[in-house]
């Protein structure tokens, strides 16, 4: 069971035990939602969730300084790394 953020008028705490959750709810505690860390945090979580459901993936690459130089040399003026990657894959007929 996912932990619940329970709020009492005097204090709040996070409870993982389902029996304890039910007991506190019966005593009048309310389930609350923690505030986002930033103003855009809720929107960012929503967008990430939508992208995951649509099949998007986040990729992180660690390149050596030599590899970064080679990638920068292959990029065209104003081209993003994603556009470069798609262009190179398409040129080599690996995507279609």
N, C-alpha and C. Protein backbone atom coordinates (compact mmCIF):
# COMPACT_ATOMS: atom_id res chain seq x y z
N UNK A 1 0.84 -1.18 0.00
CA UNK A 1 0.00 0.00 0.00
C UNK A 1 0.88 1.24 0.00
N UNK A 2 0.50 2.21 -0.79
CA UNK A 2 1.24 3.47 -0.86
C UNK A 2 1.04 4.25 0.44
N UNK A 3 2.13 4.83 1.01
CA UNK A 3 1.98 5.60 2.24
C UNK A 3 1.02 6.78 2.05
N UNK A 4 0.26 7.08 3.08
CA UNK A 4 -0.70 8.19 3.05
C UNK A 4 -0.17 9.34 3.89
N UNK A 5 -0.38 10.55 3.44
CA UNK A 5 -0.01 11.75 4.16
C UNK A 5 -1.24 12.18 4.95
N UNK A 6 -1.24 11.90 6.26
CA UNK A 6 -2.41 12.16 7.09
C UNK A 6 -2.22 13.46 7.88
N UNK A 7 -3.28 14.24 7.95
CA UNK A 7 -3.23 15.55 8.59
C UNK A 7 -4.23 15.60 9.73
N UNK A 8 -3.78 16.01 10.88
CA UNK A 8 -4.62 16.28 12.03
C UNK A 8 -4.53 17.78 12.29
N UNK A 9 -5.55 18.37 12.86
CA UNK A 9 -5.46 19.81 13.11
C UNK A 9 -4.20 20.22 13.88
N UNK A 10 -3.64 19.35 14.70
CA UNK A 10 -2.47 19.72 15.50
C UNK A 10 -1.14 19.39 14.82
N UNK A 11 -1.10 18.38 13.95
CA UNK A 11 0.14 18.00 13.27
C UNK A 11 -0.15 17.04 12.12
N UNK A 12 0.88 16.76 11.31
CA UNK A 12 0.73 15.85 10.18
C UNK A 12 1.86 14.83 10.19
N UNK A 13 1.59 13.66 9.62
CA UNK A 13 2.63 12.64 9.51
C UNK A 13 2.29 11.68 8.37
N UNK A 14 3.31 10.97 7.90
CA UNK A 14 3.15 10.00 6.83
C UNK A 14 3.07 8.61 7.44
N UNK A 15 2.03 7.85 7.06
CA UNK A 15 1.77 6.53 7.62
C UNK A 15 1.78 5.50 6.48
N UNK A 16 2.54 4.39 6.67
CA UNK A 16 2.60 3.32 5.67
C UNK A 16 1.72 2.13 6.03
N UNK A 17 1.47 1.92 7.31
CA UNK A 17 0.71 0.76 7.78
C UNK A 17 -0.77 0.96 7.48
N UNK A 18 -1.39 0.09 6.64
CA UNK A 18 -2.80 0.27 6.28
C UNK A 18 -3.75 0.22 7.48
N UNK A 19 -3.42 -0.58 8.49
CA UNK A 19 -4.27 -0.67 9.68
C UNK A 19 -4.25 0.67 10.43
N UNK A 20 -3.05 1.23 10.57
CA UNK A 20 -2.90 2.52 11.24
C UNK A 20 -3.60 3.63 10.46
N UNK A 21 -3.53 3.57 9.12
CA UNK A 21 -4.21 4.56 8.28
C UNK A 21 -5.72 4.51 8.54
N UNK A 22 -6.29 3.31 8.53
CA UNK A 22 -7.73 3.17 8.75
C UNK A 22 -8.12 3.66 10.15
N UNK A 23 -7.30 3.34 11.15
CA UNK A 23 -7.59 3.77 12.52
C UNK A 23 -7.61 5.30 12.63
N UNK A 24 -6.60 5.94 12.04
CA UNK A 24 -6.53 7.41 12.12
C UNK A 24 -7.64 8.08 11.30
N UNK A 25 -7.98 7.49 10.15
CA UNK A 25 -9.10 8.04 9.36
C UNK A 25 -10.40 7.96 10.16
N UNK A 26 -10.59 6.87 10.90
CA UNK A 26 -11.79 6.70 11.71
C UNK A 26 -11.84 7.73 12.85
N UNK A 27 -10.67 8.22 13.26
CA UNK A 27 -10.60 9.21 14.34
C UNK A 27 -10.77 10.64 13.83
N UNK A 28 -10.97 10.81 12.53
CA UNK A 28 -11.19 12.15 12.00
C UNK A 28 -10.01 12.78 11.30
N UNK A 29 -8.93 12.03 11.13
CA UNK A 29 -7.80 12.57 10.38
C UNK A 29 -8.19 12.69 8.91
N UNK A 30 -7.53 13.55 8.18
CA UNK A 30 -7.78 13.75 6.76
C UNK A 30 -6.55 13.38 5.96
N UNK A 31 -6.76 12.84 4.76
CA UNK A 31 -5.64 12.55 3.87
C UNK A 31 -5.30 13.85 3.16
N UNK A 32 -4.04 14.23 3.22
CA UNK A 32 -3.60 15.46 2.59
C UNK A 32 -2.61 15.19 1.47
N UNK A 33 -2.27 16.24 0.77
CA UNK A 33 -1.30 16.17 -0.30
C UNK A 33 -0.18 17.15 0.01
N UNK A 34 1.08 16.70 0.00
CA UNK A 34 2.17 17.63 0.26
C UNK A 34 2.23 18.72 -0.81
N UNK A 35 2.65 19.90 -0.42
CA UNK A 35 2.79 20.99 -1.39
C UNK A 35 3.97 20.69 -2.31
N UNK A 36 3.87 21.09 -3.58
CA UNK A 36 4.98 20.90 -4.51
C UNK A 36 6.20 21.71 -4.06
N UNK A 37 7.38 21.24 -4.41
CA UNK A 37 8.60 21.94 -4.03
C UNK A 37 8.76 23.26 -4.76
N UNK A 38 8.26 23.33 -5.99
CA UNK A 38 8.30 24.58 -6.75
C UNK A 38 6.92 24.83 -7.33
N UNK A 39 6.73 26.03 -7.84
CA UNK A 39 5.43 26.38 -8.43
C UNK A 39 5.11 25.51 -9.65
N UNK A 40 6.12 25.08 -10.38
CA UNK A 40 5.91 24.31 -11.61
C UNK A 40 6.02 22.79 -11.38
N UNK A 41 6.29 22.35 -10.15
CA UNK A 41 6.53 20.92 -9.90
C UNK A 41 5.34 20.06 -10.30
N UNK A 42 4.14 20.49 -9.97
CA UNK A 42 2.95 19.70 -10.30
C UNK A 42 2.81 19.56 -11.81
N UNK A 43 3.00 20.66 -12.53
CA UNK A 43 2.90 20.63 -14.00
C UNK A 43 4.00 19.75 -14.60
N UNK A 44 5.20 19.85 -14.06
CA UNK A 44 6.31 19.04 -14.58
C UNK A 44 6.04 17.56 -14.37
N UNK A 45 5.53 17.17 -13.20
CA UNK A 45 5.18 15.77 -12.96
C UNK A 45 4.11 15.29 -13.93
N UNK A 46 3.12 16.15 -14.16
CA UNK A 46 2.04 15.81 -15.08
C UNK A 46 2.57 15.60 -16.50
N UNK A 47 3.44 16.49 -16.96
CA UNK A 47 4.01 16.35 -18.30
C UNK A 47 4.86 15.09 -18.42
N UNK A 48 5.66 14.80 -17.38
CA UNK A 48 6.46 13.57 -17.42
C UNK A 48 5.58 12.34 -17.50
N UNK A 49 4.50 12.34 -16.72
CA UNK A 49 3.56 11.21 -16.74
C UNK A 49 2.91 11.05 -18.11
N UNK A 50 2.48 12.17 -18.72
CA UNK A 50 1.87 12.12 -20.05
C UNK A 50 2.86 11.58 -21.07
N UNK A 51 4.11 12.02 -20.99
CA UNK A 51 5.12 11.56 -21.95
C UNK A 51 5.41 10.08 -21.76
N UNK A 52 5.50 9.62 -20.51
CA UNK A 52 5.72 8.19 -20.27
C UNK A 52 4.59 7.36 -20.86
N UNK A 53 3.34 7.81 -20.65
CA UNK A 53 2.19 7.08 -21.18
C UNK A 53 2.19 7.07 -22.71
N UNK A 54 2.74 8.13 -23.33
CA UNK A 54 2.80 8.21 -24.79
C UNK A 54 3.98 7.44 -25.36
N UNK A 55 4.82 6.86 -24.47
CA UNK A 55 5.94 6.06 -24.94
C UNK A 55 7.26 6.81 -25.04
N UNK A 56 7.30 8.06 -24.62
CA UNK A 56 8.54 8.83 -24.65
C UNK A 56 9.52 8.24 -23.64
N UNK A 57 10.81 8.41 -23.93
CA UNK A 57 11.85 7.97 -23.01
C UNK A 57 12.87 9.08 -22.82
N UNK A 58 13.38 9.18 -21.62
CA UNK A 58 14.42 10.15 -21.32
C UNK A 58 15.76 9.43 -21.39
N UNK A 59 16.69 9.98 -22.16
CA UNK A 59 18.01 9.35 -22.31
C UNK A 59 19.09 10.30 -21.81
N UNK A 60 20.02 9.75 -21.07
CA UNK A 60 21.17 10.51 -20.60
C UNK A 60 22.42 9.86 -21.16
N UNK A 61 23.29 10.66 -21.76
CA UNK A 61 24.51 10.14 -22.34
C UNK A 61 25.71 10.79 -21.67
N UNK A 62 26.70 9.99 -21.38
CA UNK A 62 27.96 10.51 -20.87
C UNK A 62 28.98 10.32 -21.98
N UNK A 63 29.51 11.43 -22.47
CA UNK A 63 30.47 11.39 -23.57
C UNK A 63 31.82 11.90 -23.08
N UNK A 64 32.88 11.31 -23.62
CA UNK A 64 34.22 11.79 -23.31
C UNK A 64 34.41 13.14 -24.01
N UNK A 65 35.40 13.92 -23.60
CA UNK A 65 35.64 15.20 -24.29
C UNK A 65 35.90 15.03 -25.79
N UNK A 66 36.56 13.94 -26.17
CA UNK A 66 36.81 13.69 -27.59
C UNK A 66 35.51 13.42 -28.34
N UNK A 67 34.61 12.65 -27.70
CA UNK A 67 33.32 12.36 -28.32
C UNK A 67 32.47 13.62 -28.44
N UNK A 68 32.53 14.48 -27.44
CA UNK A 68 31.78 15.74 -27.50
C UNK A 68 32.28 16.58 -28.65
N UNK A 69 33.59 16.63 -28.86
CA UNK A 69 34.16 17.40 -29.98
C UNK A 69 33.69 16.83 -31.31
N UNK A 70 33.65 15.48 -31.41
CA UNK A 70 33.20 14.85 -32.65
C UNK A 70 31.72 15.15 -32.92
N UNK A 71 30.90 15.10 -31.87
CA UNK A 71 29.47 15.39 -32.03
C UNK A 71 29.27 16.85 -32.41
N UNK A 72 29.98 17.76 -31.76
CA UNK A 72 29.85 19.18 -32.08
C UNK A 72 30.29 19.47 -33.51
N UNK A 73 31.30 18.74 -34.00
CA UNK A 73 31.75 18.93 -35.38
C UNK A 73 30.70 18.45 -36.38
N UNK A 74 29.90 17.45 -36.00
CA UNK A 74 28.88 16.92 -36.90
C UNK A 74 27.61 17.76 -36.91
N UNK A 75 27.42 18.58 -35.86
CA UNK A 75 26.20 19.40 -35.78
C UNK A 75 26.24 20.54 -36.79
N UNK A 76 25.09 20.84 -37.33
CA UNK A 76 24.94 22.00 -38.21
C UNK A 76 24.60 23.23 -37.38
N UNK A 77 24.70 24.39 -37.98
CA UNK A 77 24.41 25.65 -37.29
C UNK A 77 22.99 25.64 -36.75
N UNK A 78 22.83 25.82 -35.43
CA UNK A 78 21.52 25.89 -34.80
C UNK A 78 20.81 24.55 -34.63
N UNK A 79 21.46 23.46 -34.96
CA UNK A 79 20.85 22.13 -34.85
C UNK A 79 20.93 21.63 -33.41
N UNK A 80 19.85 21.04 -32.93
CA UNK A 80 19.85 20.47 -31.58
C UNK A 80 20.47 19.08 -31.63
N UNK A 81 20.78 18.56 -30.45
CA UNK A 81 21.34 17.20 -30.39
C UNK A 81 20.33 16.17 -30.86
N UNK A 82 19.06 16.38 -30.56
CA UNK A 82 18.02 15.44 -31.01
C UNK A 82 17.92 15.48 -32.53
N UNK A 83 17.91 16.69 -33.09
CA UNK A 83 17.84 16.81 -34.55
C UNK A 83 19.06 16.17 -35.21
N UNK A 84 20.23 16.35 -34.61
CA UNK A 84 21.45 15.73 -35.13
C UNK A 84 21.32 14.21 -35.11
N UNK A 85 20.87 13.67 -34.00
CA UNK A 85 20.72 12.22 -33.88
C UNK A 85 19.75 11.67 -34.92
N UNK A 86 18.59 12.31 -35.07
CA UNK A 86 17.60 11.86 -36.05
C UNK A 86 18.15 11.99 -37.47
N UNK A 87 18.84 13.10 -37.76
CA UNK A 87 19.42 13.30 -39.09
C UNK A 87 20.44 12.21 -39.41
N UNK A 88 21.33 11.92 -38.48
CA UNK A 88 22.34 10.89 -38.73
C UNK A 88 21.73 9.51 -38.90
N UNK A 89 20.73 9.20 -38.10
CA UNK A 89 20.07 7.89 -38.23
C UNK A 89 19.34 7.79 -39.56
N UNK A 90 18.67 8.87 -39.97
CA UNK A 90 17.93 8.88 -41.24
C UNK A 90 18.89 8.79 -42.43
N UNK A 91 19.97 9.53 -42.37
CA UNK A 91 20.96 9.50 -43.48
C UNK A 91 21.53 8.10 -43.67
N UNK A 92 21.66 7.37 -42.61
CA UNK A 92 22.22 6.02 -42.70
C UNK A 92 21.14 4.95 -42.82
N UNK A 93 19.90 5.38 -43.03
CA UNK A 93 18.75 4.51 -43.24
C UNK A 93 18.57 3.51 -42.09
N UNK A 94 18.83 3.97 -40.87
CA UNK A 94 18.65 3.11 -39.72
C UNK A 94 17.27 3.26 -39.08
N UNK A 95 16.60 4.36 -39.39
CA UNK A 95 15.32 4.65 -38.75
C UNK A 95 14.13 4.12 -39.55
N UNK A 96 14.23 4.15 -40.84
CA UNK A 96 13.05 3.79 -41.66
C UNK A 96 13.21 2.46 -42.34
